[in-house]
Amino acid sequence: MYILVSPCILHPELRATGITTDEDRELFAKCIKRCREEAIEIVELPCPETLFFGNPREPGPYKGRMDSKEFEETLDNLEREVRNNIRERNEKPAFILGVNSSPTCGATKTYYTEVKSDGPGVFLKRFRNEYRLIDVKDFANY
């Protein structure tokens, strides 16, 4: 069994500048520990924001920053890559572990605009009809 994981859970330094708290780091560590304890393989997703903007980068919502043809092409390519990887494994992931608030990898909450709203980020939204999306906070509190 394996899960797909937002890369910032494994590499918090990929997150936008200044947004990662000690609580976030603790939640990420708990998720990794739980996977080890339950023998769940972690497969890292690509980070659309890091690939598009580079790192470091300033935080911000999807609207007005990423709502461009170029960013959509990045998402299209990454989605194709992820789907090819799933097909090559010949096994579907148990679920996708995301990080709420992320405009791309939020599982159930995102900053599409300056106001946090319900729903997944624009990258994970592409997978929501096939795979369960779980936020790190929910998965860490077991």
Protein backbone atom coordinates (compact mmCIF):
# COMPACT_ATOMS: atom_id res chain seq x y z
CA MET A 1 0.00 0.00 0.00
CA TYR A 2 1.16 3.50 -0.78
CA ILE A 3 -0.06 7.08 -0.64
CA LEU A 4 0.75 10.14 -2.70
CA VAL A 5 2.06 12.97 -0.54
CA SER A 6 2.45 16.69 -1.10
CA PRO A 7 6.21 17.24 -1.22
CA CYS A 8 6.30 19.94 1.45
CA ILE A 9 5.32 17.31 4.04
CA LEU A 10 8.68 15.68 3.41
CA HIS A 11 10.51 18.93 2.60
CA PRO A 12 8.95 21.89 4.47
CA GLU A 13 11.54 24.21 2.93
CA LEU A 14 9.58 23.94 -0.34
CA ARG A 15 6.74 25.96 1.17
CA ALA A 16 6.36 29.66 0.52
CA THR A 17 8.53 31.89 2.68
CA GLY A 18 7.37 32.39 6.27
CA ILE A 19 4.30 30.18 6.35
CA THR A 20 5.63 27.01 8.00
CA THR A 21 5.07 26.93 11.76
CA ASP A 22 6.43 24.61 14.43
CA GLU A 23 2.96 23.05 14.57
CA ASP A 24 3.18 22.34 10.81
CA ARG A 25 6.57 20.65 11.21
CA GLU A 26 5.18 18.55 14.08
CA LEU A 27 2.17 17.49 11.99
CA PHE A 28 4.42 16.58 9.05
CA ALA A 29 6.63 14.49 11.34
CA LYS A 30 3.59 12.71 12.82
CA CYS A 31 2.34 11.83 9.34
CA ILE A 32 5.70 10.38 8.36
CA LYS A 33 5.88 8.45 11.63
CA ARG A 34 2.39 7.04 11.13
CA CYS A 35 3.30 5.85 7.63
CA ARG A 36 6.38 4.10 8.98
CA GLU A 37 4.42 2.48 11.81
CA GLU A 38 1.70 1.25 9.47
CA ALA A 39 4.09 0.25 6.65
CA ILE A 40 2.54 2.74 4.24
CA GLU A 41 4.88 3.67 1.42
CA ILE A 42 5.18 7.40 0.79
CA VAL A 43 5.34 8.51 -2.84
CA GLU A 44 6.13 12.18 -3.25
CA LEU A 45 4.07 14.34 -5.60
CA PRO A 46 5.77 17.09 -7.60
CA CYS A 47 5.39 20.66 -6.31
CA PRO A 48 3.73 22.82 -8.97
CA GLU A 49 4.49 26.08 -7.17
CA THR A 50 8.20 25.35 -6.67
CA LEU A 51 8.57 24.17 -10.26
CA PHE A 52 6.79 27.26 -11.61
CA PHE A 53 8.01 30.02 -9.27
CA GLY A 54 11.21 28.54 -7.86
CA ASN A 55 12.22 28.67 -4.24
CA PRO A 56 12.15 30.79 -2.18
CA ARG A 57 8.86 32.41 -3.16
CA GLU A 58 6.32 34.65 -1.51
CA PRO A 59 2.99 33.16 -0.38
CA GLY A 60 -0.19 34.07 -2.17
CA PRO A 61 -3.49 32.75 -3.52
CA TYR A 62 -4.13 31.06 -6.84
CA LYS A 63 -6.15 33.96 -8.27
CA GLY A 64 -3.96 36.67 -9.68
CA ARG A 65 -0.73 34.64 -9.37
CA MET A 66 -1.26 31.25 -10.94
CA ASP A 67 -4.36 31.69 -13.08
CA SER A 68 -2.39 31.76 -16.32
CA LYS A 69 -2.05 29.57 -19.38
CA GLU A 70 1.57 28.84 -18.43
CA PHE A 71 0.67 27.60 -14.95
CA GLU A 72 -2.21 25.49 -16.34
CA GLU A 73 0.28 23.88 -18.74
CA THR A 74 2.54 23.11 -15.77
CA LEU A 75 -0.41 21.48 -13.97
CA ASP A 76 -1.36 19.52 -17.11
CA ASN A 77 2.19 18.17 -17.43
CA LEU A 78 2.44 17.27 -13.75
CA GLU A 79 -0.96 15.59 -13.75
CA ARG A 80 0.10 13.51 -16.75
CA GLU A 81 3.35 12.58 -14.95
CA VAL A 82 1.50 11.51 -11.78
CA ARG A 83 -1.07 9.48 -13.72
CA ASN A 84 1.71 7.75 -15.70
CA ASN A 85 3.49 6.89 -12.44
CA ILE A 86 0.30 5.41 -11.00
CA ARG A 87 -0.24 3.38 -14.17
CA GLU A 88 3.36 2.12 -14.11
CA ARG A 89 2.97 1.00 -10.49
CA ASN A 90 -0.12 -0.93 -11.52
CA GLU A 91 -1.67 -0.05 -8.17
CA LYS A 92 -3.74 2.94 -7.14
CA PRO A 93 -2.73 4.96 -4.08
CA ALA A 94 -4.83 4.48 -0.97
CA PHE A 95 -5.32 8.27 -0.83
CA ILE A 96 -3.56 11.59 -1.39
CA LEU A 97 -2.19 13.49 1.59
CA GLY A 98 -2.35 17.25 1.10
CA VAL A 99 -1.71 20.40 3.10
CA ASN A 100 -4.73 22.63 3.67
CA SER A 101 -4.43 26.30 2.76
CA SER A 102 -2.14 25.53 -0.17
CA PRO A 103 -3.53 27.01 -3.38
CA THR A 104 -2.32 23.90 -5.23
CA CYS A 105 -2.17 21.06 -2.67
CA GLY A 106 -4.90 21.89 -0.19
CA ALA A 107 -6.93 18.75 0.53
CA THR A 108 -10.17 20.31 1.79
CA LYS A 109 -9.34 24.02 2.20
CA THR A 110 -7.47 26.35 -0.13
CA TYR A 111 -6.58 29.95 -0.83
CA TYR A 112 -8.09 30.28 -4.29
CA THR A 113 -8.49 34.00 -3.50
CA GLU A 114 -7.28 35.99 -0.50
CA VAL A 115 -10.03 34.31 1.55
CA LYS A 116 -9.65 30.66 2.57
CA SER A 117 -12.41 28.57 1.03
CA ASP A 118 -13.69 25.00 1.06
CA GLY A 119 -12.40 22.62 -1.56
CA PRO A 120 -9.07 21.26 -2.74
CA GLY A 121 -6.24 23.22 -4.27
CA VAL A 122 -6.03 23.44 -8.06
CA PHE A 123 -3.57 20.53 -8.42
CA LEU A 124 -5.22 18.07 -6.04
CA LYS A 125 -8.63 19.02 -7.46
CA ARG A 126 -7.58 17.12 -10.59
CA PHE A 127 -7.54 13.86 -8.60
CA ARG A 128 -10.46 14.32 -6.20
CA ASN A 129 -12.96 12.24 -8.16
CA GLU A 130 -10.71 9.18 -8.11
CA TYR A 131 -8.83 9.39 -4.82
CA ARG A 132 -9.68 10.45 -1.31
CA LEU A 133 -7.92 13.66 -0.30
CA ILE A 134 -6.82 13.91 3.34
CA ASP A 135 -5.26 16.86 5.14
CA VAL A 136 -2.11 16.37 7.20
CA LYS A 137 -3.85 17.54 10.36
CA ASP A 138 -6.49 14.83 10.06
CA PHE A 139 -3.99 12.10 9.22
CA ALA A 140 -1.57 13.12 11.98
CA ASN A 141 -4.25 13.03 14.69
CA TYR A 142 -4.77 9.28 14.92
